[in-house]
Protein backbone atom coordinates (compact mmCIF):
# COMPACT_ATOMS: atom_id res chain seq x y z
CA MET A 1 -111.53 128.41 87.40
CA LYS A 2 -110.25 128.23 90.96
CA ALA A 3 -107.20 130.15 92.36
CA SER A 4 -105.44 126.74 93.25
CA SER A 5 -106.33 125.31 89.74
CA PHE A 6 -105.08 128.36 88.05
CA PHE A 7 -101.98 127.97 89.69
CA ALA A 8 -101.19 124.33 89.47
CA CYS A 9 -102.17 125.07 85.69
CA LEU A 10 -99.69 127.44 85.30
CA LEU A 11 -96.93 125.50 87.43
CA LEU A 12 -97.55 122.49 84.72
CA ALA A 13 -97.17 125.07 81.91
CA LEU A 14 -93.48 126.28 83.25
CA VAL A 15 -92.30 122.88 83.98
CA SER A 16 -93.44 121.67 80.34
CA VAL A 17 -91.90 124.93 78.71
CA LEU A 18 -88.60 124.41 80.58
CA PHE A 19 -88.63 120.53 79.45
CA MET A 20 -89.16 121.57 75.68
CA LEU A 21 -86.09 124.33 75.77
CA PRO A 22 -83.33 121.54 75.51
CA VAL A 23 -85.70 120.10 72.53
CA ALA A 24 -86.02 123.72 70.86
CA ALA A 25 -82.51 124.11 71.38
CA LEU A 26 -81.65 120.73 69.77
CA ALA A 27 -83.52 121.10 66.72
CA ALA A 28 -82.47 124.92 66.39
CA ALA A 29 -78.85 123.31 66.35
CA THR A 30 -79.27 121.07 63.74
CA VAL A 31 -79.58 123.93 60.80
CA SER A 32 -76.10 125.23 60.85
CA THR A 33 -75.56 128.83 60.46
CA GLY A 34 -75.33 130.57 57.08
CA ALA A 35 -76.71 127.63 55.21
CA GLY A 36 -80.46 127.39 54.56
CA ILE A 37 -80.04 123.69 53.20
CA SER A 38 -77.78 122.94 55.95
CA PHE A 39 -80.78 121.19 57.84
CA ILE A 40 -81.10 118.38 55.08
CA ARG A 41 -77.23 117.83 54.53
CA ASN A 42 -76.63 117.26 58.27
CA PHE A 43 -79.16 114.80 58.26
CA SER A 44 -78.44 113.58 55.08
CA ASP A 45 -74.67 112.94 56.25
CA VAL A 46 -75.63 111.05 59.28
CA ILE A 47 -78.29 108.71 57.40
CA THR A 48 -76.07 108.19 54.58
CA LYS A 49 -73.16 106.86 56.41
CA ALA A 50 -73.57 103.12 56.94
CA ARG A 51 -71.98 102.63 60.29
CA THR A 52 -74.76 104.92 61.50
CA MET A 53 -77.98 102.80 59.84
CA GLN A 54 -75.78 99.72 61.55
CA ALA A 55 -75.62 100.85 64.76
CA PHE A 56 -79.47 101.86 64.96
CA ALA A 57 -80.22 98.43 63.76
CA SER A 58 -78.31 97.04 66.68
CA GLY A 59 -79.41 99.02 69.13
CA LEU A 60 -82.84 98.57 68.16
CA SER A 61 -82.43 94.73 68.08
CA MET A 62 -80.90 94.39 71.31
CA SER A 63 -83.62 96.77 73.13
CA SER A 64 -86.44 95.15 71.64
CA ALA A 65 -85.07 91.87 72.36
CA ALA A 66 -84.17 92.73 76.51
CA SER A 67 -87.69 94.35 76.61
CA ALA A 68 -90.16 91.83 75.52
CA LEU A 69 -88.01 89.48 77.52
CA SER A 70 -88.08 91.11 80.79
CA ILE A 71 -91.34 92.31 79.98
CA PHE A 72 -92.64 88.39 79.48
CA LEU A 73 -90.56 87.25 82.69
CA SER A 74 -91.79 89.83 84.90
CA THR A 75 -95.29 89.33 83.94
CA ALA A 76 -94.77 85.39 84.52
CA ALA A 77 -93.17 86.26 88.03
CA ALA A 78 -95.55 89.13 88.95
CA THR A 79 -98.35 86.57 88.52
CA ALA A 80 -96.73 84.05 90.51
CA LEU A 81 -96.04 86.33 93.46
CA SER A 82 -99.73 87.98 92.86
CA ARG A 83 -101.40 84.69 94.16
CA ARG A 84 -99.37 84.60 97.78
CA SER A 85 -100.33 86.58 100.17
CA ASP A 86 -97.74 85.39 102.87
CA VAL A 87 -94.98 87.34 104.60
CA ALA A 88 -92.06 85.38 102.51
CA SER A 89 -94.00 86.52 99.29
CA ARG A 90 -93.93 90.21 100.99
CA SER A 91 -90.53 89.86 101.69
CA LEU A 92 -89.40 88.98 98.54
CA ILE A 93 -91.30 91.48 96.76
CA SER A 94 -89.79 94.46 98.89
CA PHE A 95 -85.98 92.75 97.96
CA ILE A 96 -87.02 92.65 94.29
CA LEU A 97 -87.81 96.43 94.41
CA LEU A 98 -84.09 97.09 96.34
CA LEU A 99 -82.78 95.10 93.65
CA GLY A 100 -84.24 97.67 91.13
CA GLY A 101 -82.50 100.75 92.87
CA LEU A 102 -79.28 99.36 91.92
CA PRO A 103 -77.14 101.16 89.26
CA PHE A 104 -76.06 99.04 86.54
CA SER A 105 -72.52 100.11 86.84
CA THR A 106 -72.25 98.11 90.01
CA LEU A 107 -73.08 94.71 88.48
CA VAL A 108 -71.68 95.06 85.08
CA ILE A 109 -68.25 95.59 85.91
CA PRO A 110 -67.85 92.03 88.01
CA LEU A 111 -69.84 90.22 85.43
CA TYR A 112 -67.39 91.24 82.87
CA PHE A 113 -64.43 89.48 85.12
CA ALA A 114 -66.67 86.61 84.94
CA LEU A 115 -67.50 86.70 81.55
CA PHE A 116 -63.81 87.45 80.47
CA THR A 117 -62.98 84.26 82.70
CA LEU A 118 -65.59 82.22 80.48
CA ARG A 119 -64.69 83.90 77.26
CA LEU A 120 -68.18 85.44 76.70
CA THR A 121 -67.06 88.53 76.12
CA ASP A 122 -68.52 90.58 72.89
CA SER A 123 -71.40 88.57 72.88
CA VAL A 124 -74.71 90.28 71.76
CA PRO A 125 -77.17 87.79 73.59
CA VAL A 126 -74.95 87.75 76.83
CA THR A 127 -75.79 91.81 76.82
CA VAL A 128 -79.53 91.53 75.86
CA LEU A 129 -79.76 88.83 78.64
CA PHE A 130 -77.97 91.44 81.09
CA LEU A 131 -80.30 94.35 80.12
CA ALA A 132 -83.32 92.12 80.60
CA ALA A 133 -82.39 90.82 83.69
CA ALA A 134 -81.38 94.50 85.27
CA ASN A 135 -84.82 95.38 84.33
CA ILE A 136 -86.69 92.66 85.69
CA PRO A 137 -86.99 93.79 89.50
CA ALA A 138 -88.83 97.42 88.74
CA ASN A 139 -91.01 95.62 86.38
CA VAL A 140 -91.77 92.58 88.93
CA TRP A 141 -92.96 95.21 90.96
CA ILE A 142 -95.05 97.28 89.11
CA ILE A 143 -96.74 94.52 87.37
CA GLU A 144 -97.35 92.76 90.42
CA ARG A 145 -98.82 95.70 92.09
CA THR A 146 -101.23 96.00 89.71
CA LEU A 147 -102.58 92.29 89.69
CA SER A 148 -102.94 92.72 93.51
CA GLU A 149 -105.26 95.51 92.64
CA LEU A 150 -107.42 93.51 90.10
CA PRO A 151 -110.57 91.59 91.39
CA ARG A 152 -110.30 88.30 92.22
CA GLU A 153 -113.94 87.88 91.55
CA ALA A 154 -113.21 87.76 87.28
CA GLU A 155 -110.76 84.87 87.50
CA GLU A 156 -113.31 83.10 89.92
CA THR A 157 -116.08 83.84 87.40
CA ALA A 158 -114.16 82.79 84.45
CA ARG A 159 -113.24 79.50 86.11
CA LEU A 160 -117.29 79.20 86.79
CA ASP A 161 -118.17 79.61 83.45
CA GLY A 162 -115.87 76.59 82.09
CA ALA A 163 -112.82 78.98 80.64
CA SER A 164 -109.50 77.78 81.32
CA MET A 165 -105.86 79.20 82.14
CA LYS A 166 -104.94 79.56 78.37
CA ASP A 167 -108.91 81.38 78.11
CA PHE A 168 -108.33 83.73 81.04
CA LEU A 169 -105.16 85.46 80.08
CA PRO A 170 -105.32 86.59 76.72
CA ARG A 171 -109.11 86.97 76.65
CA ILE A 172 -109.64 88.77 80.33
CA LEU A 173 -106.11 89.19 82.30
CA LEU A 174 -103.79 90.49 79.67
CA PRO A 175 -106.40 93.72 78.20
CA GLN A 176 -106.67 94.65 81.85
CA LEU A 177 -102.61 94.71 81.83
CA ALA A 178 -102.60 96.72 78.99
CA PRO A 179 -101.69 99.69 79.99
CA VAL A 180 -99.23 98.43 82.47
CA LEU A 181 -97.25 96.45 80.41
CA THR A 182 -97.39 99.07 77.64
CA GLY A 183 -95.91 101.57 79.98
CA SER A 184 -93.03 99.09 81.77
CA PHE A 185 -92.33 97.79 77.81
CA ILE A 186 -91.87 101.65 77.03
CA THR A 187 -89.89 102.02 80.06
CA THR A 188 -87.79 99.29 79.65
CA PHE A 189 -86.82 100.10 75.99
CA ILE A 190 -85.79 103.71 77.10
CA ASN A 191 -83.54 102.07 79.89
CA CYS A 192 -81.88 99.69 77.15
CA TRP A 193 -81.63 102.31 74.30
CA GLY A 194 -80.13 104.87 76.14
CA ASN A 195 -78.01 103.15 77.95
CA PHE A 196 -74.19 103.76 77.33
CA ILE A 197 -72.28 101.88 79.78
CA VAL A 198 -73.28 98.34 79.59
CA PRO A 199 -72.29 97.71 75.71
CA PHE A 200 -69.47 100.27 76.12
CA ILE A 201 -68.10 97.77 78.76
CA LEU A 202 -69.70 94.10 77.50
CA LEU A 203 -68.99 94.77 73.53
CA SER A 204 -65.86 95.52 71.99
CA SER A 205 -66.62 94.84 68.27
CA SER A 206 -67.56 98.03 66.06
CA HIS A 207 -70.44 96.24 64.48
CA LYS A 208 -71.93 94.92 67.21
CA MET A 209 -72.21 98.59 69.00
CA PRO A 210 -75.57 100.02 69.36
CA ALA A 211 -76.34 103.70 68.62
CA ALA A 212 -75.44 105.05 71.92
CA LEU A 213 -72.27 103.82 71.79
CA ALA A 214 -71.67 105.17 67.78
CA PHE A 215 -72.93 108.73 68.96
CA PHE A 216 -70.38 108.97 71.54
CA GLN A 217 -67.78 108.05 68.99
CA ALA A 218 -69.15 110.30 66.41
CA TYR A 219 -68.88 113.21 69.35
CA SER A 220 -65.09 112.35 70.04
CA GLY A 221 -64.02 112.31 66.86
CA ALA A 222 -66.09 115.08 65.58
CA GLU A 223 -64.36 118.32 64.92
CA SER A 224 -65.52 121.16 66.72
CA GLY A 225 -67.40 123.07 64.12
CA ALA A 226 -69.84 119.43 63.60
CA THR A 227 -72.68 120.75 66.30
CA GLY A 228 -75.39 120.63 63.21
CA TYR A 229 -74.04 117.18 62.54
CA LEU A 230 -74.00 116.04 66.00
CA ALA A 231 -77.49 117.64 66.62
CA ALA A 232 -78.94 116.17 63.88
CA TYR A 233 -77.71 112.42 65.07
CA ALA A 234 -79.28 113.18 68.38
CA ALA A 235 -82.66 114.31 66.81
CA LEU A 236 -82.62 110.88 65.37
CA TYR A 237 -81.89 109.19 68.43
CA TYR A 238 -84.93 110.61 69.75
CA LEU A 239 -87.22 109.17 67.06
CA PRO A 240 -87.23 105.28 67.95
CA VAL A 241 -88.51 105.83 71.58
CA ILE A 242 -91.17 108.48 69.77
CA ALA A 243 -92.02 105.86 67.38
CA LEU A 244 -92.40 103.06 69.91
CA TYR A 245 -95.10 105.25 72.27
CA LEU A 246 -97.24 106.25 69.06
CA MET A 247 -97.38 102.60 67.91
CA LEU A 248 -98.49 101.28 71.76
CA ARG A 249 -100.51 103.80 71.84
CA LEU A 250 -102.48 103.17 69.13
CA GLY A 251 -102.11 99.32 69.81
CA MET A 252 -103.48 99.97 73.26
CA SER A 253 -106.32 101.91 72.06
CA ARG A 254 -107.24 99.15 69.84
CA ILE A 255 -107.38 96.49 72.36
CA PHE A 256 -109.43 98.55 74.56
CA VAL A 257 -112.12 99.19 71.80
CA LEU A 258 -112.01 95.33 71.02
CA HIS A 259 -112.24 94.44 74.81
CA ARG A 260 -115.39 96.58 75.19
CA LEU A 261 -116.79 95.04 72.12
CA LYS A 262 -116.33 91.43 73.15
CA THR A 263 -117.83 92.44 76.59
């Protein structure tokens, strides 16, 4: 192994260890000192609370709906923009990328005053629409860049063979877009799942609050010795993202296999 490759691997290993240290500390904190069964008790205290399960269900539904809507609209917009190569389209894509850099807090506060005037506050659909819209700019730019790199000959050949657009999209285009759509969906889901400020401002009913707000309330109302309980809550908070990643990765692998068999 060359010296440059060795030092690169060593640096990556060091960075990985640094990233794993907080996770290891969180896992260790779930076991309170002194009691061997405290690990099970801490997780049981979190799971058995109806408020926790309701918050997780609310967060999963909002994050999934916002992610699916954002990816669908972003794919449609990116497909339309990728078919144009004029200056106006290039400028529009650059402007979309600029919008993706705006923080949520600068948009949600004026939106709240508008919704308050229209009496649309404390609405889950409005929150889902805002979360979806906030993630559209970055998704459009990523998907459009990917579509621009795909060979146009594939679509032209499919049309010469008599394939319609409804045949071209699911059988040729979507398998090629599977990696970027999967990555964009996971990123959007993480952004929505971990978002705190948007539901904190737009939602007021306790039964509508997602897991991020429920965890904040549990942290604010917890006693000083409830470290194990809070650590168990935080560990469970990781699980939906990890499960989503594993499921989509397995599904994407199957798509590649089926696409190879068909071709």
